């Protein structure tokens, strides 16, 4: 079980690094990475330590991060017409 969780973390980390051209793919891989890290926290809190409160705080901050990422995605798509990083020029207003 622990091996599968750690493998999932590495798969989503590789996906986060390799899909950095599109913002939506980056956000989805980041959410998957946070989900597997939450599973890792939950596994360790049930086995070794009492980290249930920290896991709940982590899950709350992950949900806030997802909401901020989606609002940023909507704003970028409305202003620039797409989520591809090559077409974005943040130096212009």
PDB file of N, CA and C in Angstrom:
ATOM      1  N   UNK A   1       0.826  -1.191   0.000  1.00  0.00           N
ATOM      2  CA  UNK A   1       0.000   0.000   0.000  1.00  0.00           C
ATOM      3  C   UNK A   1       0.873   1.258   0.000  1.00  0.00           C
ATOM      4  N   UNK A   2       1.871   1.272   0.848  1.00  0.00           N
ATOM      5  CA  UNK A   2       2.767   2.423   0.915  1.00  0.00           C
ATOM      6  C   UNK A   2       3.534   2.594  -0.391  1.00  0.00           C
ATOM      7  N   UNK A   3       3.930   1.474  -0.994  1.00  0.00           N
ATOM      8  CA  UNK A   3       4.648   1.538  -2.265  1.00  0.00           C
ATOM      9  C   UNK A   3       3.788   2.171  -3.352  1.00  0.00           C
ATOM     10  N   UNK A   4       2.507   1.839  -3.395  1.00  0.00           N
ATOM     11  CA  UNK A   4       1.617   2.406  -4.404  1.00  0.00           C
ATOM     12  C   UNK A   4       1.407   3.901  -4.199  1.00  0.00           C
ATOM     13  N   UNK A   5       1.336   4.328  -2.945  1.00  0.00           N
ATOM     14  CA  UNK A   5       1.170   5.756  -2.666  1.00  0.00           C
ATOM     15  C   UNK A   5       2.414   6.531  -3.085  1.00  0.00           C
ATOM     16  N   UNK A   6       3.587   6.007  -2.754  1.00  0.00           N
ATOM     17  CA  UNK A   6       4.836   6.678  -3.135  1.00  0.00           C
ATOM     18  C   UNK A   6       5.009   6.666  -4.653  1.00  0.00           C
ATOM     19  N   UNK A   7       4.618   5.571  -5.303  1.00  0.00           N
ATOM     20  CA  UNK A   7       4.668   5.511  -6.761  1.00  0.00           C
ATOM     21  C   UNK A   7       3.731   6.545  -7.382  1.00  0.00           C
ATOM     22  N   UNK A   8       2.549   6.715  -6.802  1.00  0.00           N
ATOM     23  CA  UNK A   8       1.620   7.737  -7.284  1.00  0.00           C
ATOM     24  C   UNK A   8       2.179   9.136  -7.133  1.00  0.00           C
ATOM     25  N   UNK A   9       2.870   9.394  -6.030  1.00  0.00           N
ATOM     26  CA  UNK A   9       3.497  10.707  -5.833  1.00  0.00           C
ATOM     27  C   UNK A   9       4.525  10.966  -6.926  1.00  0.00           C
ATOM     28  N   UNK A  10       5.354   9.976  -7.231  1.00  0.00           N
ATOM     29  CA  UNK A  10       6.373  10.173  -8.256  1.00  0.00           C
ATOM     30  C   UNK A  10       5.770  10.294  -9.652  1.00  0.00           C
ATOM     31  N   UNK A  11       4.690   9.554  -9.924  1.00  0.00           N
ATOM     32  CA  UNK A  11       4.045   9.656 -11.234  1.00  0.00           C
ATOM     33  C   UNK A  11       3.454  11.045 -11.435  1.00  0.00           C
ATOM     34  N   UNK A  12       2.748  11.556 -10.421  1.00  0.00           N
ATOM     35  CA  UNK A  12       2.170  12.882 -10.564  1.00  0.00           C
ATOM     36  C   UNK A  12       3.233  13.970 -10.523  1.00  0.00           C
ATOM     37  N   UNK A  13       4.349  13.740  -9.838  1.00  0.00           N
ATOM     38  CA  UNK A  13       5.433  14.714  -9.851  1.00  0.00           C
ATOM     39  C   UNK A  13       6.068  14.775 -11.242  1.00  0.00           C
ATOM     40  N   UNK A  14       6.252  13.611 -11.865  1.00  0.00           N
ATOM     41  CA  UNK A  14       6.777  13.585 -13.227  1.00  0.00           C
ATOM     42  C   UNK A  14       5.803  14.243 -14.193  1.00  0.00           C
ATOM     43  N   UNK A  15       4.512  14.006 -14.002  1.00  0.00           N
ATOM     44  CA  UNK A  15       3.500  14.637 -14.844  1.00  0.00           C
ATOM     45  C   UNK A  15       3.496  16.148 -14.654  1.00  0.00           C
ATOM     46  N   UNK A  16       3.682  16.600 -13.420  1.00  0.00           N
ATOM     47  CA  UNK A  16       3.734  18.039 -13.142  1.00  0.00           C
ATOM     48  C   UNK A  16       4.928  18.684 -13.827  1.00  0.00           C
ATOM     49  N   UNK A  17       6.050  18.002 -13.851  1.00  0.00           N
ATOM     50  CA  UNK A  17       7.253  18.558 -14.471  1.00  0.00           C
ATOM     51  C   UNK A  17       7.159  18.518 -15.993  1.00  0.00           C
ATOM     52  N   UNK A  18       6.602  17.444 -16.547  1.00  0.00           N
ATOM     53  CA  UNK A  18       6.600  17.298 -17.999  1.00  0.00           C
ATOM     54  C   UNK A  18       5.469  18.053 -18.685  1.00  0.00           C
ATOM     55  N   UNK A  19       4.380  18.334 -18.008  1.00  0.00           N
ATOM     56  CA  UNK A  19       3.229  19.020 -18.619  1.00  0.00           C
ATOM     57  C   UNK A  19       3.187  20.488 -18.223  1.00  0.00           C
ATOM     58  N   UNK A  20       4.289  21.174 -18.322  1.00  0.00           N
ATOM     59  CA  UNK A  20       4.323  22.554 -17.855  1.00  0.00           C
ATOM     60  C   UNK A  20       3.972  23.571 -18.926  1.00  0.00           C
ATOM     61  N   UNK A  21       3.567  23.129 -20.111  1.00  0.00           N
ATOM     62  CA  UNK A  21       3.185  24.064 -21.170  1.00  0.00           C
ATOM     63  C   UNK A  21       1.748  24.544 -21.012  1.00  0.00           C
ATOM     64  N   UNK A  22       0.860  23.689 -20.518  1.00  0.00           N
ATOM     65  CA  UNK A  22      -0.546  24.049 -20.356  1.00  0.00           C
ATOM     66  C   UNK A  22      -0.874  24.171 -18.875  1.00  0.00           C
ATOM     67  N   UNK A  23      -1.558  25.230 -18.534  1.00  0.00           N
ATOM     68  CA  UNK A  23      -1.880  25.500 -17.137  1.00  0.00           C
ATOM     69  C   UNK A  23      -2.878  24.494 -16.582  1.00  0.00           C
ATOM     70  N   UNK A  24      -3.862  24.071 -17.374  1.00  0.00           N
ATOM     71  CA  UNK A  24      -4.863  23.128 -16.889  1.00  0.00           C
ATOM     72  C   UNK A  24      -4.236  21.777 -16.573  1.00  0.00           C
ATOM     73  N   UNK A  25      -3.353  21.281 -17.431  1.00  0.00           N
ATOM     74  CA  UNK A  25      -2.680  20.010 -17.168  1.00  0.00           C
ATOM     75  C   UNK A  25      -1.771  20.115 -15.948  1.00  0.00           C
ATOM     76  N   UNK A  26      -1.145  21.259 -15.772  1.00  0.00           N
ATOM     77  CA  UNK A  26      -0.299  21.477 -14.606  1.00  0.00           C
ATOM     78  C   UNK A  26      -1.117  21.477 -13.326  1.00  0.00           C
ATOM     79  N   UNK A  27      -2.271  22.141 -13.353  1.00  0.00           N
ATOM     80  CA  UNK A  27      -3.128  22.178 -12.167  1.00  0.00           C
ATOM     81  C   UNK A  27      -3.698  20.805 -11.834  1.00  0.00           C
ATOM     82  N   UNK A  28      -4.075  20.035 -12.855  1.00  0.00           N
ATOM     83  CA  UNK A  28      -4.600  18.688 -12.602  1.00  0.00           C
ATOM     84  C   UNK A  28      -3.536  17.768 -12.010  1.00  0.00           C
ATOM     85  N   UNK A  29      -2.324  17.848 -12.525  1.00  0.00           N
ATOM     86  CA  UNK A  29      -1.266  17.009 -11.967  1.00  0.00           C
ATOM     87  C   UNK A  29      -0.886  17.462 -10.563  1.00  0.00           C
ATOM     88  N   UNK A  30      -0.969  18.758 -10.293  1.00  0.00           N
ATOM     89  CA  UNK A  30      -0.700  19.257  -8.946  1.00  0.00           C
ATOM     90  C   UNK A  30      -1.767  18.780  -7.963  1.00  0.00           C
ATOM     91  N   UNK A  31      -3.023  18.755  -8.390  1.00  0.00           N
ATOM     92  CA  UNK A  31      -4.094  18.249  -7.524  1.00  0.00           C
ATOM     93  C   UNK A  31      -3.927  16.755  -7.257  1.00  0.00           C
ATOM     94  N   UNK A  32      -3.537  15.999  -8.276  1.00  0.00           N
ATOM     95  CA  UNK A  32      -3.286  14.573  -8.064  1.00  0.00           C
ATOM     96  C   UNK A  32      -2.124  14.339  -7.119  1.00  0.00           C
ATOM     97  N   UNK A  33      -1.088  15.149  -7.247  1.00  0.00           N
ATOM     98  CA  UNK A  33       0.060  15.058  -6.351  1.00  0.00           C
ATOM     99  C   UNK A  33      -0.345  15.347  -4.915  1.00  0.00           C
ATOM    100  N   UNK A  34      -1.164  16.372  -4.721  1.00  0.00           N
ATOM    101  CA  UNK A  34      -1.623  16.702  -3.368  1.00  0.00           C
ATOM    102  C   UNK A  34      -2.523  15.608  -2.799  1.00  0.00           C
ATOM    103  N   UNK A  35      -3.312  14.966  -3.655  1.00  0.00           N
ATOM    104  CA  UNK A  35      -4.164  13.874  -3.189  1.00  0.00           C
ATOM    105  C   UNK A  35      -3.326  12.700  -2.697  1.00  0.00           C
ATOM    106  N   UNK A  36      -2.282  12.345  -3.429  1.00  0.00           N
ATOM    107  CA  UNK A  36      -1.434  11.242  -2.993  1.00  0.00           C
ATOM    108  C   UNK A  36      -0.610  11.612  -1.761  1.00  0.00           C
ATOM    109  N   UNK A  37      -0.208  12.866  -1.635  1.00  0.00           N
ATOM    110  CA  UNK A  37       0.494  13.290  -0.421  1.00  0.00           C
ATOM    111  C   UNK A  37      -0.447  13.244   0.775  1.00  0.00           C
ATOM    112  N   UNK A  38      -1.727  13.601   0.558  1.00  0.00           N
ATOM    113  CA  UNK A  38      -2.717  13.467   1.626  1.00  0.00           C
ATOM    114  C   UNK A  38      -2.890  12.003   2.026  1.00  0.00           C
ATOM    115  N   UNK A  39      -2.928  11.107   1.047  1.00  0.00           N
ATOM    116  CA  UNK A  39      -3.024   9.671   1.357  1.00  0.00           C
ATOM    117  C   UNK A  39      -1.804   9.206   2.139  1.00  0.00           C
ATOM    118  N   UNK A  40      -0.644   9.744   1.814  1.00  0.00           N
ATOM    119  CA  UNK A  40       0.572   9.411   2.556  1.00  0.00           C
ATOM    120  C   UNK A  40       0.491   9.905   3.991  1.00  0.00           C
ATOM    121  N   UNK A  41       0.003  11.135   4.202  1.00  0.00           N
ATOM    122  CA  UNK A  41      -0.208  11.649   5.560  1.00  0.00           C
ATOM    123  C   UNK A  41      -1.195  10.787   6.329  1.00  0.00           C
ATOM    124  N   UNK A  42      -2.278  10.404   5.679  1.00  0.00           N
ATOM    125  CA  UNK A  42      -3.297   9.602   6.349  1.00  0.00           C
ATOM    126  C   UNK A  42      -2.756   8.222   6.707  1.00  0.00           C
ATOM    127  N   UNK A  43      -1.930   7.657   5.825  1.00  0.00           N
ATOM    128  CA  UNK A  43      -1.332   6.351   6.106  1.00  0.00           C
ATOM    129  C   UNK A  43      -0.406   6.428   7.312  1.00  0.00           C
ATOM    130  N   UNK A  44       0.423   7.471   7.372  1.00  0.00           N
ATOM    131  CA  UNK A  44       1.329   7.605   8.504  1.00  0.00           C
ATOM    132  C   UNK A  44       0.610   7.984   9.783  1.00  0.00           C
ATOM    133  N   UNK A  45      -0.468   8.752   9.678  1.00  0.00           N
ATOM    134  CA  UNK A  45      -1.181   9.146  10.896  1.00  0.00           C
ATOM    135  C   UNK A  45      -1.939   7.978  11.493  1.00  0.00           C
ATOM    136  N   UNK A  46      -2.409   7.063  10.675  1.00  0.00           N
ATOM    137  CA  UNK A  46      -3.122   5.918  11.224  1.00  0.00           C
ATOM    138  C   UNK A  46      -2.161   4.846  11.726  1.00  0.00           C
ATOM    139  N   UNK A  47      -0.940   4.834  11.218  1.00  0.00           N
ATOM    140  CA  UNK A  47       0.002   3.785  11.609  1.00  0.00           C
ATOM    141  C   UNK A  47       0.939   4.209  12.734  1.00  0.00           C
ATOM    142  N   UNK A  48       1.532   5.374  12.626  1.00  0.00           N
ATOM    143  CA  UNK A  48       2.604   5.737  13.537  1.00  0.00           C
ATOM    144  C   UNK A  48       2.273   6.924  14.446  1.00  0.00           C
ATOM    145  N   UNK A  49       1.888   8.016  13.860  1.00  0.00           N
ATOM    146  CA  UNK A  49       1.729   9.255  14.617  1.00  0.00           C
ATOM    147  C   UNK A  49       0.273   9.696  14.627  1.00  0.00           C
ATOM    148  N   UNK A  50      -0.015  10.656  15.442  1.00  0.00           N
ATOM    149  CA  UNK A  50      -1.351  11.222  15.503  1.00  0.00           C
ATOM    150  C   UNK A  50      -1.363  12.531  14.719  1.00  0.00           C
ATOM    151  N   UNK A  51      -1.520  12.422  13.410  1.00  0.00           N
ATOM    152  CA  UNK A  51      -1.474  13.589  12.534  1.00  0.00           C
ATOM    153  C   UNK A  51      -2.818  13.862  11.866  1.00  0.00           C
ATOM    154  N   UNK A  52      -3.915  13.466  12.480  1.00  0.00           N
ATOM    155  CA  UNK A  52      -5.220  13.647  11.852  1.00  0.00           C
ATOM    156  C   UNK A  52      -5.555  15.125  11.671  1.00  0.00           C
ATOM    157  N   UNK A  53      -5.221  15.952  12.638  1.00  0.00           N
ATOM    158  CA  UNK A  53      -5.508  17.381  12.524  1.00  0.00           C
ATOM    159  C   UNK A  53      -4.672  18.025  11.424  1.00  0.00           C
ATOM    160  N   UNK A  54      -3.416  17.621  11.317  1.00  0.00           N
ATOM    161  CA  UNK A  54      -2.557  18.164  10.267  1.00  0.00           C
ATOM    162  C   UNK A  54      -3.030  17.718   8.889  1.00  0.00           C
ATOM    163  N   UNK A  55      -3.499  16.486   8.779  1.00  0.00           N
ATOM    164  CA  UNK A  55      -4.009  16.000   7.499  1.00  0.00           C
ATOM    165  C   UNK A  55      -5.261  16.765   7.090  1.00  0.00           C
ATOM    166  N   UNK A  56      -6.116  17.087   8.040  1.00  0.00           N
ATOM    167  CA  UNK A  56      -7.313  17.868   7.739  1.00  0.00           C
ATOM    168  C   UNK A  56      -6.949  19.289   7.319  1.00  0.00           C
ATOM    169  N   UNK A  57      -5.975  19.890   7.967  1.00  0.00           N
ATOM    170  CA  UNK A  57      -5.495  21.215   7.582  1.00  0.00           C
ATOM    171  C   UNK A  57      -4.880  21.182   6.184  1.00  0.00           C
ATOM    172  N   UNK A  58      -4.125  20.149   5.896  1.00  0.00           N
ATOM    173  CA  UNK A  58      -3.509  19.992   4.578  1.00  0.00           C
ATOM    174  C   UNK A  58      -4.575  19.852   3.497  1.00  0.00           C
ATOM    175  N   UNK A  59      -5.618  19.084   3.774  1.00  0.00           N
ATOM    176  CA  UNK A  59      -6.699  18.911   2.813  1.00  0.00           C
ATOM    177  C   UNK A  59      -7.450  20.223   2.586  1.00  0.00           C
ATOM    178  N   UNK A  60      -7.630  21.004   3.627  1.00  0.00           N
ATOM    179  CA  UNK A  60      -8.286  22.303   3.500  1.00  0.00           C
ATOM    180  C   UNK A  60      -7.451  23.259   2.655  1.00  0.00           C
ATOM    181  N   UNK A  61      -6.159  23.307   2.904  1.00  0.00           N
ATOM    182  CA  UNK A  61      -5.282  24.181   2.116  1.00  0.00           C
ATOM    183  C   UNK A  61      -5.177  23.717   0.667  1.00  0.00           C
ATOM    184  N   UNK A  62      -5.265  22.413   0.436  1.00  0.00           N
ATOM    185  CA  UNK A  62      -5.253  21.893  -0.925  1.00  0.00           C
ATOM    186  C   UNK A  62      -6.509  22.312  -1.677  1.00  0.00           C
ATOM    187  N   UNK A  63      -7.647  22.305  -1.002  1.00  0.00           N
ATOM    188  CA  UNK A  63      -8.891  22.758  -1.638  1.00  0.00           C
ATOM    189  C   UNK A  63      -8.820  24.248  -1.961  1.00  0.00           C
ATOM    190  N   UNK A  64      -8.235  25.032  -1.069  1.00  0.00           N
ATOM    191  CA  UNK A  64      -8.060  26.469  -1.338  1.00  0.00           C
ATOM    192  C   UNK A  64      -7.114  26.690  -2.509  1.00  0.00           C
ATOM    193  N   UNK A  65      -6.068  25.899  -2.588  1.00  0.00           N
ATOM    194  CA  UNK A  65      -5.120  25.999  -3.692  1.00  0.00           C
ATOM    195  C   UNK A  65      -5.792  25.652  -5.012  1.00  0.00           C
ATOM    196  N   UNK A  66      -6.647  24.655  -5.009  1.00  0.00           N
ATOM    197  CA  UNK A  66      -7.371  24.292  -6.226  1.00  0.00           C
ATOM    198  C   UNK A  66      -8.320  25.381  -6.679  1.00  0.00           C
ATOM    199  N   UNK A  67      -9.009  26.001  -5.735  1.00  0.00           N
ATOM    200  CA  UNK A  67      -9.935  27.088  -6.080  1.00  0.00           C
ATOM    201  C   UNK A  67      -9.182  28.295  -6.627  1.00  0.00           C
ATOM    202  N   UNK A  68      -8.058  28.630  -6.023  1.00  0.00           N
ATOM    203  CA  UNK A  68      -7.256  29.752  -6.528  1.00  0.00           C
ATOM    204  C   UNK A  68      -6.671  29.451  -7.904  1.00  0.00           C
ATOM    205  N   UNK A  69      -6.252  28.212  -8.107  1.00  0.00           N
ATOM    206  CA  UNK A  69      -5.719  27.825  -9.410  1.00  0.00           C
ATOM    207  C   UNK A  69      -6.761  27.893 -10.503  1.00  0.00           C
ATOM    208  N   UNK A  70      -7.978  27.440 -10.200  1.00  0.00           N
ATOM    209  CA  UNK A  70      -9.037  27.511 -11.205  1.00  0.00           C
ATOM    210  C   UNK A  70      -9.457  28.946 -11.497  1.00  0.00           C
ATOM    211  N   UNK A  71      -9.479  29.790 -10.480  1.00  0.00           N
ATOM    212  CA  UNK A  71      -9.818  31.194 -10.738  1.00  0.00           C
ATOM    213  C   UNK A  71      -8.721  31.872 -11.555  1.00  0.00           C
ATOM    214  N   UNK A  72      -7.468  31.531 -11.308  1.00  0.00           N
ATOM    215  CA  UNK A  72      -6.370  32.054 -12.119  1.00  0.00           C
ATOM    216  C   UNK A  72      -6.470  31.554 -13.554  1.00  0.00           C
ATOM    217  N   UNK A  73      -6.852  30.289 -13.727  1.00  0.00           N
ATOM    218  CA  UNK A  73      -7.016  29.730 -15.067  1.00  0.00           C
ATOM    219  C   UNK A  73      -8.123  30.445 -15.831  1.00  0.00           C
ATOM    220  N   UNK A  74      -9.246  30.695 -15.189  1.00  0.00           N
ATOM    221  CA  UNK A  74     -10.353  31.399 -15.843  1.00  0.00           C
ATOM    222  C   UNK A  74      -9.937  32.813 -16.219  1.00  0.00           C
ATOM    223  N   UNK A  75      -9.221  33.483 -15.339  1.00  0.00           N
ATOM    224  CA  UNK A  75      -8.768  34.846 -15.629  1.00  0.00           C
ATOM    225  C   UNK A  75      -7.796  34.873 -16.798  1.00  0.00           C
ATOM    226  N   UNK A  76      -6.873  33.934 -16.842  1.00  0.00           N
ATOM    227  CA  UNK A  76      -5.889  33.896 -17.931  1.00  0.00           C
ATOM    228  C   UNK A  76      -6.555  33.548 -19.253  1.00  0.00           C
ATOM    229  N   UNK A  77      -7.499  32.616 -19.236  1.00  0.00           N
ATOM    230  CA  UNK A  77      -8.187  32.258 -20.476  1.00  0.00           C
ATOM    231  C   UNK A  77      -9.025  33.426 -20.982  1.00  0.00           C
ATOM    232  N   UNK A  78      -9.644  34.165 -20.089  1.00  0.00           N
ATOM    233  CA  UNK A  78     -10.445  35.320 -20.521  1.00  0.00           C
ATOM    234  C   UNK A  78      -9.585  36.449 -21.072  1.00  0.00           C
ATOM    235  N   UNK A  79      -8.426  36.671 -20.489  1.00  0.00           N
ATOM    236  CA  UNK A  79      -7.608  37.798 -20.945  1.00  0.00           C
ATOM    237  C   UNK A  79      -6.715  37.444 -22.125  1.00  0.00           C
ATOM    238  N   UNK A  80      -6.162  36.226 -22.161  1.00  0.00           N
ATOM    239  CA  UNK A  80      -5.195  35.868 -23.201  1.00  0.00           C
ATOM    240  C   UNK A  80      -5.739  34.892 -24.232  1.00  0.00           C
ATOM    241  N   UNK A  81      -6.882  34.295 -23.991  1.00  0.00           N
ATOM    242  CA  UNK A  81      -7.481  33.415 -24.982  1.00  0.00           C
ATOM    243  C   UNK A  81      -7.043  31.968 -24.910  1.00  0.00           C
ATOM    244  N   UNK A  82      -6.196  31.594 -24.003  1.00  0.00           N
ATOM    245  CA  UNK A  82      -5.766  30.209 -23.886  1.00  0.00           C
ATOM    246  C   UNK A  82      -4.925  30.007 -22.646  1.00  0.00           C
ATOM    247  N   UNK A  83      -4.645  28.731 -22.362  1.00  0.00           N
ATOM    248  CA  UNK A  83      -3.868  28.434 -21.164  1.00  0.00           C
ATOM    249  C   UNK A  83      -2.459  27.970 -21.484  1.00  0.00           C
ATOM    250  N   UNK A  84      -2.047  28.110 -22.733  1.00  0.00           N
ATOM    251  CA  UNK A  84      -0.711  27.680 -23.117  1.00  0.00           C
ATOM    252  C   UNK A  84       0.306  28.726 -22.684  1.00  0.00           C
ATOM    253  N   UNK A  85       1.389  28.279 -22.049  1.00  0.00           N
ATOM    254  CA  UNK A  85       2.370  29.209 -21.511  1.00  0.00           C
ATOM    255  C   UNK A  85       3.197  29.898 -22.589  1.00  0.00           C
ATOM    256  N   UNK A  86       3.302  29.310 -23.775  1.00  0.00           N
ATOM    257  CA  UNK A  86       4.073  29.961 -24.834  1.00  0.00           C
ATOM    258  C   UNK A  86       3.377  31.212 -25.347  1.00  0.00           C
ATOM    259  N   UNK A  87       2.040  31.211 -25.328  1.00  0.00           N
ATOM    260  CA  UNK A  87       1.309  32.359 -25.858  1.00  0.00           C
ATOM    261  C   UNK A  87       1.113  33.456 -24.822  1.00  0.00           C
ATOM    262  N   UNK A  88       1.481  33.207 -23.591  1.00  0.00           N
ATOM    263  CA  UNK A  88       1.282  34.200 -22.544  1.00  0.00           C
ATOM    264  C   UNK A  88       2.499  35.110 -22.443  1.00  0.00           C
ATOM    265  N   UNK A  89       2.243  36.388 -22.382  1.00  0.00           N
ATOM    266  CA  UNK A  89       3.302  37.353 -22.173  1.00  0.00           C
ATOM    267  C   UNK A  89       2.877  38.215 -20.997  1.00  0.00           C
ATOM    268  N   UNK A  90       3.415  37.941 -19.835  1.00  0.00           N
ATOM    269  CA  UNK A  90       3.000  38.623 -18.622  1.00  0.00           C
ATOM    270  C   UNK A  90       3.650  39.991 -18.458  1.00  0.00           C
ATOM    271  N   UNK A  91       4.548  40.365 -19.370  1.00  0.00           N
ATOM    272  CA  UNK A  91       5.179  41.669 -19.267  1.00  0.00           C
ATOM    273  C   UNK A  91       4.293  42.768 -19.830  1.00  0.00           C
ATOM    274  N   UNK A  92       3.320  42.391 -20.660  1.00  0.00           N
ATOM    275  CA  UNK A  92       2.394  43.375 -21.210  1.00  0.00           C
ATOM    276  C   UNK A  92       1.154  43.447 -20.336  1.00  0.00           C
ATOM    277  N   UNK A  93       0.547  44.609 -20.281  1.00  0.00           N
ATOM    278  CA  UNK A  93      -0.690  44.776 -19.519  1.00  0.00           C
ATOM    279  C   UNK A  93      -1.900  44.482 -20.359  1.00  0.00           C
TER     280      UNK A  93
END
